[in-house]
Amino acid sequence: MHGGIALRHGLNDHVLQFGHIGYGIRPSSRQRGLATGALGRILDEARALGLDRVLIVCELNNFASVRTVEHHGGVLEGVRDTEHGPVRRYWIKI
């Protein structure tokens, strides 16, 4: 397995803190477009569930994730400090 992706639907405190979508790619499988492809497919699933937009949160300096999210139309809401450090918050309209 190269990584994983999860879709949380609904809008509760957990989703508002961590986002609707979380994903990770193991280091040996990075830079192959796997995250971009997986995010595109999970956005289709979110649409099928009736979501019209999703929140994605990533670490401030995770530039690979920033590129992936922005590739799919992510719009930066802002940067917030969390107990795990600063994070970027993106919304994607679907």
C-alpha atoms as a PDB file:
ATOM      1  CA  MET A   1       0.000   0.000   0.000  1.00  0.00           C
ATOM      2  CA  HIS A   2       1.297   3.457  -0.926  1.00  0.00           C
ATOM      3  CA  GLY A   3      -0.820   5.529   1.453  1.00  0.00           C
ATOM      4  CA  GLY A   4      -4.326   6.234   2.617  1.00  0.00           C
ATOM      5  CA  ILE A   5      -7.113   8.759   2.366  1.00  0.00           C
ATOM      6  CA  ALA A   6     -10.199   9.322   4.511  1.00  0.00           C
ATOM      7  CA  LEU A   7     -13.396  11.310   4.035  1.00  0.00           C
ATOM      8  CA  ARG A   8     -15.223  12.625   7.063  1.00  0.00           C
ATOM      9  CA  HIS A   9     -18.675  13.934   6.231  1.00  0.00           C
ATOM     10  CA  GLY A  10     -20.786  16.240   8.293  1.00  0.00           C
ATOM     11  CA  LEU A  11     -19.605  19.413   9.971  1.00  0.00           C
ATOM     12  CA  ASN A  12     -18.714  18.953  13.609  1.00  0.00           C
ATOM     13  CA  ASP A  13     -15.861  20.117  15.846  1.00  0.00           C
ATOM     14  CA  HIS A  14     -13.585  17.270  14.704  1.00  0.00           C
ATOM     15  CA  VAL A  15     -14.098  18.091  11.020  1.00  0.00           C
ATOM     16  CA  LEU A  16     -13.629  21.804  11.676  1.00  0.00           C
ATOM     17  CA  GLN A  17     -10.313  21.055  13.400  1.00  0.00           C
ATOM     18  CA  PHE A  18      -8.892  18.354  11.107  1.00  0.00           C
ATOM     19  CA  GLY A  19     -10.838  18.791   7.855  1.00  0.00           C
ATOM     20  CA  HIS A  20     -13.205  16.642   5.829  1.00  0.00           C
ATOM     21  CA  ILE A  21     -10.351  14.886   4.055  1.00  0.00           C
ATOM     22  CA  GLY A  22      -7.098  13.538   5.415  1.00  0.00           C
ATOM     23  CA  TYR A  23      -4.468  11.703   3.421  1.00  0.00           C
ATOM     24  CA  GLY A  24      -0.891  10.527   3.563  1.00  0.00           C
ATOM     25  CA  ILE A  25       1.536   8.920   1.159  1.00  0.00           C
ATOM     26  CA  ARG A  26       4.487   6.891   2.433  1.00  0.00           C
ATOM     27  CA  PRO A  27       7.826   8.566   1.703  1.00  0.00           C
ATOM     28  CA  SER A  28       9.000   5.945  -0.819  1.00  0.00           C
ATOM     29  CA  SER A  29       5.857   6.510  -2.933  1.00  0.00           C
ATOM     30  CA  ARG A  30       5.819  10.297  -3.009  1.00  0.00           C
ATOM     31  CA  GLN A  31       6.172  12.524  -6.101  1.00  0.00           C
ATOM     32  CA  ARG A  32       4.236  10.115  -8.325  1.00  0.00           C
ATOM     33  CA  GLY A  33       0.906  11.967  -8.377  1.00  0.00           C
ATOM     34  CA  LEU A  34      -0.735   9.464  -6.032  1.00  0.00           C
ATOM     35  CA  ALA A  35      -2.096  12.100  -3.628  1.00  0.00           C
ATOM     36  CA  THR A  36      -3.422  14.206  -6.513  1.00  0.00           C
ATOM     37  CA  GLY A  37      -5.214  11.206  -7.996  1.00  0.00           C
ATOM     38  CA  ALA A  38      -6.571  10.003  -4.671  1.00  0.00           C
ATOM     39  CA  LEU A  39      -7.840  13.467  -3.769  1.00  0.00           C
ATOM     40  CA  GLY A  40      -9.651  13.728  -7.109  1.00  0.00           C
ATOM     41  CA  ARG A  41     -11.395  10.396  -6.517  1.00  0.00           C
ATOM     42  CA  ILE A  42     -12.377  11.217  -2.926  1.00  0.00           C
ATOM     43  CA  LEU A  43     -13.802  14.562  -4.087  1.00  0.00           C
ATOM     44  CA  ASP A  44     -16.072  12.541  -6.391  1.00  0.00           C
ATOM     45  CA  GLU A  45     -17.174  10.514  -3.346  1.00  0.00           C
ATOM     46  CA  ALA A  46     -17.824  13.712  -1.381  1.00  0.00           C
ATOM     47  CA  ARG A  47     -19.967  15.015  -4.245  1.00  0.00           C
ATOM     48  CA  ALA A  48     -21.925  11.737  -4.307  1.00  0.00           C
ATOM     49  CA  LEU A  49     -22.612  12.173  -0.575  1.00  0.00           C
ATOM     50  CA  GLY A  50     -24.087  15.598  -1.284  1.00  0.00           C
ATOM     51  CA  LEU A  51     -21.269  17.776   0.038  1.00  0.00           C
ATOM     52  CA  ASP A  52     -20.889  21.061  -1.826  1.00  0.00           C
ATOM     53  CA  ARG A  53     -17.512  21.974  -0.322  1.00  0.00           C
ATOM     54  CA  VAL A  54     -14.866  20.319   1.827  1.00  0.00           C
ATOM     55  CA  LEU A  55     -12.234  21.533   4.245  1.00  0.00           C
ATOM     56  CA  ILE A  56      -8.652  20.279   4.012  1.00  0.00           C
ATOM     57  CA  VAL A  57      -6.073  21.111   6.665  1.00  0.00           C
ATOM     58  CA  CYS A  58      -2.326  20.650   6.179  1.00  0.00           C
ATOM     59  CA  GLU A  59       0.823  21.607   8.031  1.00  0.00           C
ATOM     60  CA  LEU A  60       2.053  25.097   7.219  1.00  0.00           C
ATOM     61  CA  ASN A  61       5.223  23.962   5.428  1.00  0.00           C
ATOM     62  CA  ASN A  62       3.847  20.858   3.696  1.00  0.00           C
ATOM     63  CA  PHE A  63       4.300  22.334   0.231  1.00  0.00           C
ATOM     64  CA  ALA A  64       3.579  19.047  -1.561  1.00  0.00           C
ATOM     65  CA  SER A  65       0.148  18.959   0.077  1.00  0.00           C
ATOM     66  CA  VAL A  66      -0.374  22.652  -0.689  1.00  0.00           C
ATOM     67  CA  ARG A  67       0.265  21.936  -4.396  1.00  0.00           C
ATOM     68  CA  THR A  68      -2.087  18.940  -4.328  1.00  0.00           C
ATOM     69  CA  VAL A  69      -4.924  20.874  -2.694  1.00  0.00           C
ATOM     70  CA  GLU A  70      -4.469  23.934  -4.900  1.00  0.00           C
ATOM     71  CA  HIS A  71      -4.401  21.682  -7.993  1.00  0.00           C
ATOM     72  CA  HIS A  72      -7.965  20.701  -7.102  1.00  0.00           C
ATOM     73  CA  GLY A  73      -9.100  24.292  -6.610  1.00  0.00           C
ATOM     74  CA  GLY A  74      -8.423  24.689  -2.901  1.00  0.00           C
ATOM     75  CA  VAL A  75      -8.826  28.266  -1.670  1.00  0.00           C
ATOM     76  CA  LEU A  76      -6.822  29.248   1.391  1.00  0.00           C
ATOM     77  CA  GLU A  77      -9.084  30.319   4.253  1.00  0.00           C
ATOM     78  CA  GLY A  78      -6.094  31.178   6.406  1.00  0.00           C
ATOM     79  CA  VAL A  79      -3.441  29.873   8.760  1.00  0.00           C
ATOM     80  CA  ARG A  80      -4.226  28.874  12.339  1.00  0.00           C
ATOM     81  CA  ASP A  81      -2.111  27.838  15.275  1.00  0.00           C
ATOM     82  CA  THR A  82      -3.059  24.450  16.704  1.00  0.00           C
ATOM     83  CA  GLU A  83      -1.695  22.238  19.444  1.00  0.00           C
ATOM     84  CA  HIS A  84       0.234  20.449  16.653  1.00  0.00           C
ATOM     85  CA  GLY A  85       1.672  23.660  15.200  1.00  0.00           C
ATOM     86  CA  PRO A  86       0.494  26.071  12.502  1.00  0.00           C
ATOM     87  CA  VAL A  87      -1.761  24.708   9.756  1.00  0.00           C
ATOM     88  CA  ARG A  88      -3.175  25.977   6.487  1.00  0.00           C
ATOM     89  CA  ARG A  89      -6.931  25.634   6.016  1.00  0.00           C
ATOM     90  CA  TYR A  90      -8.292  25.200   2.493  1.00  0.00           C
ATOM     91  CA  TRP A  91     -11.846  24.928   1.165  1.00  0.00           C
ATOM     92  CA  ILE A  92     -12.572  23.130  -2.106  1.00  0.00           C
ATOM     93  CA  LYS A  93     -15.916  23.701  -3.857  1.00  0.00           C
ATOM     94  CA  ILE A  94     -17.262  20.536  -5.453  1.00  0.00           C
END
